[in-house]
PDB file of all heavy atoms in Angstrom:
ATOM      1  N   SER A   1       3.496  -2.098   8.170  1.00  0.00           N
ATOM      2  CA  SER A   1       4.747  -2.783   8.504  1.00  0.00           C
ATOM      3  C   SER A   1       4.787  -3.121   9.987  1.00  0.00           C
ATOM      4  O   SER A   1       4.020  -2.594  10.786  1.00  0.00           O
ATOM      5  CB  SER A   1       5.953  -1.921   8.118  1.00  0.00           C
ATOM      6  OG  SER A   1       5.928  -0.712   8.829  1.00  0.00           O
ATOM      7  N   HIS A   2       5.699  -4.011  10.316  1.00  0.00           N
ATOM      8  CA  HIS A   2       5.902  -4.459  11.696  1.00  0.00           C
ATOM      9  C   HIS A   2       7.324  -4.072  12.092  1.00  0.00           C
ATOM     10  O   HIS A   2       8.243  -4.867  11.952  1.00  0.00           O
ATOM     11  CB  HIS A   2       5.687  -5.967  11.810  1.00  0.00           C
ATOM     12  CG  HIS A   2       4.332  -6.395  11.362  1.00  0.00           C
ATOM     13  ND1 HIS A   2       3.236  -6.337  12.181  1.00  0.00           N
ATOM     14  CD2 HIS A   2       3.884  -6.859  10.171  1.00  0.00           C
ATOM     15  CE1 HIS A   2       2.167  -6.755  11.528  1.00  0.00           C
ATOM     16  NE2 HIS A   2       2.532  -7.076  10.303  1.00  0.00           N
ATOM     17  N   PRO A   3       7.518  -2.824  12.546  1.00  0.00           N
ATOM     18  CA  PRO A   3       8.877  -2.381  12.874  1.00  0.00           C
ATOM     19  C   PRO A   3       9.479  -3.196  14.012  1.00  0.00           C
ATOM     20  O   PRO A   3       8.770  -3.680  14.885  1.00  0.00           O
ATOM     21  CB  PRO A   3       8.696  -0.924  13.272  1.00  0.00           C
ATOM     22  CG  PRO A   3       7.252  -0.737  13.536  1.00  0.00           C
ATOM     23  CD  PRO A   3       6.514  -1.830  12.836  1.00  0.00           C
ATOM     24  N   GLY A   4      10.780  -3.323  13.952  1.00  0.00           N
ATOM     25  CA  GLY A   4      11.490  -4.018  15.018  1.00  0.00           C
ATOM     26  C   GLY A   4      11.637  -5.507  14.781  1.00  0.00           C
ATOM     27  O   GLY A   4      12.347  -6.172  15.525  1.00  0.00           O
ATOM     28  N   GLN A   5      10.996  -6.042  13.778  1.00  0.00           N
ATOM     29  CA  GLN A   5      11.183  -7.454  13.487  1.00  0.00           C
ATOM     30  C   GLN A   5      12.492  -7.620  12.730  1.00  0.00           C
ATOM     31  O   GLN A   5      13.250  -6.675  12.583  1.00  0.00           O
ATOM     32  CB  GLN A   5       9.992  -7.992  12.711  1.00  0.00           C
ATOM     33  CG  GLN A   5       8.723  -7.889  13.556  1.00  0.00           C
ATOM     34  CD  GLN A   5       7.656  -8.855  13.109  1.00  0.00           C
ATOM     35  OE1 GLN A   5       7.781  -9.553  12.127  1.00  0.00           O
ATOM     36  NE2 GLN A   5       6.581  -8.895  13.865  1.00  0.00           N
ATOM     37  N   THR A   6      12.756  -8.791  12.230  1.00  0.00           N
ATOM     38  CA  THR A   6      14.047  -9.041  11.591  1.00  0.00           C
ATOM     39  C   THR A   6      14.311  -8.091  10.428  1.00  0.00           C
ATOM     40  O   THR A   6      15.428  -7.716  10.181  1.00  0.00           O
ATOM     41  CB  THR A   6      14.126 -10.494  11.095  1.00  0.00           C
ATOM     42  OG1 THR A   6      13.015 -10.750  10.240  1.00  0.00           O
ATOM     43  CG2 THR A   6      14.139 -11.455  12.250  1.00  0.00           C
ATOM     44  N   ALA A   7      13.281  -7.698   9.723  1.00  0.00           N
ATOM     45  CA  ALA A   7      13.430  -6.725   8.634  1.00  0.00           C
ATOM     46  C   ALA A   7      12.300  -5.713   8.735  1.00  0.00           C
ATOM     47  O   ALA A   7      11.146  -6.083   8.903  1.00  0.00           O
ATOM     48  CB  ALA A   7      13.393  -7.433   7.286  1.00  0.00           C
ATOM     49  N   ASP A   8      12.640  -4.453   8.639  1.00  0.00           N
ATOM     50  CA  ASP A   8      11.626  -3.393   8.704  1.00  0.00           C
ATOM     51  C   ASP A   8      11.042  -3.137   7.313  1.00  0.00           C
ATOM     52  O   ASP A   8      11.023  -2.022   6.829  1.00  0.00           O
ATOM     53  CB  ASP A   8      12.233  -2.110   9.257  1.00  0.00           C
ATOM     54  CG  ASP A   8      12.411  -2.165  10.757  1.00  0.00           C
ATOM     55  OD1 ASP A   8      11.822  -3.049  11.391  1.00  0.00           O
ATOM     56  OD2 ASP A   8      13.152  -1.323  11.287  1.00  0.00           O
ATOM     57  N   THR A   9      10.579  -4.186   6.683  1.00  0.00           N
ATOM     58  CA  THR A   9       9.980  -4.033   5.368  1.00  0.00           C
ATOM     59  C   THR A   9       8.467  -4.068   5.497  1.00  0.00           C
ATOM     60  O   THR A   9       7.922  -4.551   6.488  1.00  0.00           O
ATOM     61  CB  THR A   9      10.433  -5.160   4.416  1.00  0.00           C
ATOM     62  OG1 THR A   9      10.086  -6.407   5.004  1.00  0.00           O
ATOM     63  CG2 THR A   9      11.922  -5.096   4.177  1.00  0.00           C
ATOM     64  N   ALA A  10       7.805  -3.561   4.501  1.00  0.00           N
ATOM     65  CA  ALA A  10       6.347  -3.515   4.526  1.00  0.00           C
ATOM     66  C   ALA A  10       5.772  -4.923   4.407  1.00  0.00           C
ATOM     67  O   ALA A  10       6.184  -5.700   3.562  1.00  0.00           O
ATOM     68  CB  ALA A  10       5.836  -2.648   3.391  1.00  0.00           C
ATOM     69  N   ALA A  11       4.828  -5.237   5.295  1.00  0.00           N
ATOM     70  CA  ALA A  11       4.126  -6.507   5.212  1.00  0.00           C
ATOM     71  C   ALA A  11       3.100  -6.464   4.082  1.00  0.00           C
ATOM     72  O   ALA A  11       2.850  -7.456   3.407  1.00  0.00           O
ATOM     73  CB  ALA A  11       3.446  -6.822   6.540  1.00  0.00           C
ATOM     74  N   ARG A  12       2.501  -5.284   3.890  1.00  0.00           N
ATOM     75  CA  ARG A  12       1.538  -5.054   2.807  1.00  0.00           C
ATOM     76  C   ARG A  12       1.781  -3.664   2.256  1.00  0.00           C
ATOM     77  O   ARG A  12       2.091  -2.745   2.999  1.00  0.00           O
ATOM     78  CB  ARG A  12       0.102  -5.137   3.320  1.00  0.00           C
ATOM     79  CG  ARG A  12      -0.357  -6.495   3.705  1.00  0.00           C
ATOM     80  CD  ARG A  12      -1.866  -6.507   4.007  1.00  0.00           C
ATOM     81  NE  ARG A  12      -2.300  -5.489   4.938  1.00  0.00           N
ATOM     82  CZ  ARG A  12      -2.585  -5.704   6.220  1.00  0.00           C
ATOM     83  NH1 ARG A  12      -2.477  -6.915   6.709  1.00  0.00           N
ATOM     84  NH2 ARG A  12      -2.998  -4.729   6.995  1.00  0.00           N
ATOM     85  N   ALA A  13       1.569  -3.522   0.974  1.00  0.00           N
ATOM     86  CA  ALA A  13       1.669  -2.205   0.337  1.00  0.00           C
ATOM     87  C   ALA A  13       0.688  -2.159  -0.828  1.00  0.00           C
ATOM     88  O   ALA A  13       0.523  -3.147  -1.545  1.00  0.00           O
ATOM     89  CB  ALA A  13       3.086  -1.946  -0.157  1.00  0.00           C
ATOM     90  N   VAL A  14       0.020  -1.024  -0.968  1.00  0.00           N
ATOM     91  CA  VAL A  14      -0.896  -0.808  -2.086  1.00  0.00           C
ATOM     92  C   VAL A  14      -0.669   0.587  -2.646  1.00  0.00           C
ATOM     93  O   VAL A  14      -0.135   1.459  -1.963  1.00  0.00           O
ATOM     94  CB  VAL A  14      -2.382  -0.977  -1.683  1.00  0.00           C
ATOM     95  CG1 VAL A  14      -2.684  -2.407  -1.250  1.00  0.00           C
ATOM     96  CG2 VAL A  14      -2.784   0.011  -0.609  1.00  0.00           C
ATOM     97  N   THR A  15      -1.093   0.768  -3.882  1.00  0.00           N
ATOM     98  CA  THR A  15      -1.030   2.086  -4.506  1.00  0.00           C
ATOM     99  C   THR A  15      -2.445   2.605  -4.709  1.00  0.00           C
ATOM    100  O   THR A  15      -3.395   1.824  -4.832  1.00  0.00           O
ATOM    101  CB  THR A  15      -0.314   2.025  -5.863  1.00  0.00           C
ATOM    102  OG1 THR A  15      -1.018   1.122  -6.721  1.00  0.00           O
ATOM    103  CG2 THR A  15       1.126   1.581  -5.698  1.00  0.00           C
ATOM    104  N   LEU A  16      -2.573   3.918  -4.733  1.00  0.00           N
ATOM    105  CA  LEU A  16      -3.872   4.547  -4.930  1.00  0.00           C
ATOM    106  C   LEU A  16      -3.678   5.845  -5.698  1.00  0.00           C
ATOM    107  O   LEU A  16      -2.877   6.684  -5.311  1.00  0.00           O
ATOM    108  CB  LEU A  16      -4.533   4.839  -3.584  1.00  0.00           C
ATOM    109  CG  LEU A  16      -5.902   5.509  -3.621  1.00  0.00           C
ATOM    110  CD1 LEU A  16      -6.943   4.583  -4.243  1.00  0.00           C
ATOM    111  CD2 LEU A  16      -6.330   5.915  -2.227  1.00  0.00           C
ATOM    112  N   SER A  17      -4.388   5.970  -6.797  1.00  0.00           N
ATOM    113  CA  SER A  17      -4.387   7.205  -7.580  1.00  0.00           C
ATOM    114  C   SER A  17      -5.830   7.676  -7.690  1.00  0.00           C
ATOM    115  O   SER A  17      -6.710   6.891  -8.040  1.00  0.00           O
ATOM    116  CB  SER A  17      -3.796   6.952  -8.966  1.00  0.00           C
ATOM    117  OG  SER A  17      -3.832   8.127  -9.729  1.00  0.00           O
ATOM    118  N   CYS A  18      -6.072   8.939  -7.377  1.00  0.00           N
ATOM    119  CA  CYS A  18      -7.448   9.446  -7.328  1.00  0.00           C
ATOM    120  C   CYS A  18      -7.799  10.420  -8.445  1.00  0.00           C
ATOM    121  O   CYS A  18      -8.935  10.862  -8.517  1.00  0.00           O
ATOM    122  CB  CYS A  18      -7.699  10.100  -5.976  1.00  0.00           C
ATOM    123  SG  CYS A  18      -7.628   8.938  -4.601  1.00  0.00           S
ATOM    124  N   ALA A  19      -6.862  10.797  -9.291  1.00  0.00           N
ATOM    125  CA  ALA A  19      -7.189  11.753 -10.352  1.00  0.00           C
ATOM    126  C   ALA A  19      -6.528  11.317 -11.646  1.00  0.00           C
ATOM    127  O   ALA A  19      -5.360  10.967 -11.632  1.00  0.00           O
ATOM    128  CB  ALA A  19      -6.721  13.144  -9.968  1.00  0.00           C
ATOM    129  N   PRO A  20      -7.224  11.297 -12.732  1.00  0.00           N
ATOM    130  CA  PRO A  20      -8.606  11.724 -12.907  1.00  0.00           C
ATOM    131  C   PRO A  20      -9.628  10.686 -12.461  1.00  0.00           C
ATOM    132  O   PRO A  20     -10.774  11.018 -12.215  1.00  0.00           O
ATOM    133  CB  PRO A  20      -8.720  11.991 -14.401  1.00  0.00           C
ATOM    134  CG  PRO A  20      -7.731  11.080 -15.014  1.00  0.00           C
ATOM    135  CD  PRO A  20      -6.603  10.968 -14.011  1.00  0.00           C
ATOM    136  N   GLY A  21      -9.240   9.443 -12.321  1.00  0.00           N
ATOM    137  CA  GLY A  21     -10.157   8.414 -11.831  1.00  0.00           C
ATOM    138  C   GLY A  21      -9.486   7.621 -10.723  1.00  0.00           C
ATOM    139  O   GLY A  21      -8.280   7.677 -10.547  1.00  0.00           O
ATOM    140  N   ALA A  22     -10.276   6.864  -9.989  1.00  0.00           N
ATOM    141  CA  ALA A  22      -9.746   6.070  -8.883  1.00  0.00           C
ATOM    142  C   ALA A  22      -9.185   4.760  -9.426  1.00  0.00           C
ATOM    143  O   ALA A  22      -9.912   3.959  -9.996  1.00  0.00           O
ATOM    144  CB  ALA A  22     -10.842   5.799  -7.869  1.00  0.00           C
ATOM    145  N   THR A  23      -7.873   4.571  -9.263  1.00  0.00           N
ATOM    146  CA  THR A  23      -7.203   3.361  -9.729  1.00  0.00           C
ATOM    147  C   THR A  23      -6.124   2.964  -8.736  1.00  0.00           C
ATOM    148  O   THR A  23      -5.849   3.681  -7.787  1.00  0.00           O
ATOM    149  CB  THR A  23      -6.550   3.574 -11.107  1.00  0.00           C
ATOM    150  OG1 THR A  23      -5.569   4.604 -10.984  1.00  0.00           O
ATOM    151  CG2 THR A  23      -7.554   3.945 -12.176  1.00  0.00           C
ATOM    152  N   GLY A  24      -5.501   1.849  -8.982  1.00  0.00           N
ATOM    153  CA  GLY A  24      -4.390   1.384  -8.160  1.00  0.00           C
ATOM    154  C   GLY A  24      -4.628  -0.029  -7.687  1.00  0.00           C
ATOM    155  O   GLY A  24      -5.614  -0.675  -8.042  1.00  0.00           O
ATOM    156  N   THR A  25      -3.714  -0.504  -6.853  1.00  0.00           N
ATOM    157  CA  THR A  25      -3.826  -1.862  -6.326  1.00  0.00           C
ATOM    158  C   THR A  25      -4.623  -1.916  -5.027  1.00  0.00           C
ATOM    159  O   THR A  25      -4.806  -2.990  -4.471  1.00  0.00           O
ATOM    160  CB  THR A  25      -2.425  -2.473  -6.100  1.00  0.00           C
ATOM    161  OG1 THR A  25      -1.700  -1.646  -5.177  1.00  0.00           O
ATOM    162  CG2 THR A  25      -1.652  -2.582  -7.413  1.00  0.00           C
ATOM    163  N   HIS A  26      -5.078  -0.778  -4.548  1.00  0.00           N
ATOM    164  CA  HIS A  26      -5.928  -0.739  -3.354  1.00  0.00           C
ATOM    165  C   HIS A  26      -7.185  -1.561  -3.639  1.00  0.00           C
ATOM    166  O   HIS A  26      -7.736  -1.484  -4.737  1.00  0.00           O
ATOM    167  CB  HIS A  26      -6.298   0.711  -3.031  1.00  0.00           C
ATOM    168  CG  HIS A  26      -6.909   0.892  -1.686  1.00  0.00           C
ATOM    169  ND1 HIS A  26      -8.207   0.531  -1.401  1.00  0.00           N
ATOM    170  CD2 HIS A  26      -6.393   1.395  -0.536  1.00  0.00           C
ATOM    171  CE1 HIS A  26      -8.464   0.803  -0.135  1.00  0.00           C
ATOM    172  NE2 HIS A  26      -7.380   1.334   0.412  1.00  0.00           N
ATOM    173  N   PRO A  27      -7.681  -2.352  -2.673  1.00  0.00           N
ATOM    174  CA  PRO A  27      -8.854  -3.205  -2.931  1.00  0.00           C
ATOM    175  C   PRO A  27     -10.149  -2.442  -3.219  1.00  0.00           C
ATOM    176  O   PRO A  27     -11.043  -2.973  -3.866  1.00  0.00           O
ATOM    177  CB  PRO A  27      -8.987  -4.052  -1.665  1.00  0.00           C
ATOM    178  CG  PRO A  27      -8.154  -3.391  -0.631  1.00  0.00           C
ATOM    179  CD  PRO A  27      -7.120  -2.575  -1.341  1.00  0.00           C
ATOM    180  N   ALA A  28     -10.276  -1.203  -2.766  1.00  0.00           N
ATOM    181  CA  ALA A  28     -11.484  -0.397  -3.011  1.00  0.00           C
ATOM    182  C   ALA A  28     -11.072   1.031  -3.360  1.00  0.00           C
ATOM    183  O   ALA A  28     -11.281   1.961  -2.575  1.00  0.00           O
ATOM    184  CB  ALA A  28     -12.387  -0.414  -1.791  1.00  0.00           C
ATOM    185  N   PRO A  29     -10.481   1.256  -4.543  1.00  0.00           N
ATOM    186  CA  PRO A  29      -9.947   2.589  -4.843  1.00  0.00           C
ATOM    187  C   PRO A  29     -11.000   3.692  -4.886  1.00  0.00           C
ATOM    188  O   PRO A  29     -10.749   4.792  -4.405  1.00  0.00           O
ATOM    189  CB  PRO A  29      -9.261   2.409  -6.198  1.00  0.00           C
ATOM    190  CG  PRO A  29      -9.831   1.177  -6.784  1.00  0.00           C
ATOM    191  CD  PRO A  29     -10.250   0.317  -5.632  1.00  0.00           C
TER     192      PRO A  29
END
């Protein structure tokens, strides 16, 4: 995120789950 701009919202967000397998929206889980 870019704090202090007009909105303190995340510019990018990903999810990552590592158990039992590597999954999520991360580009290289």
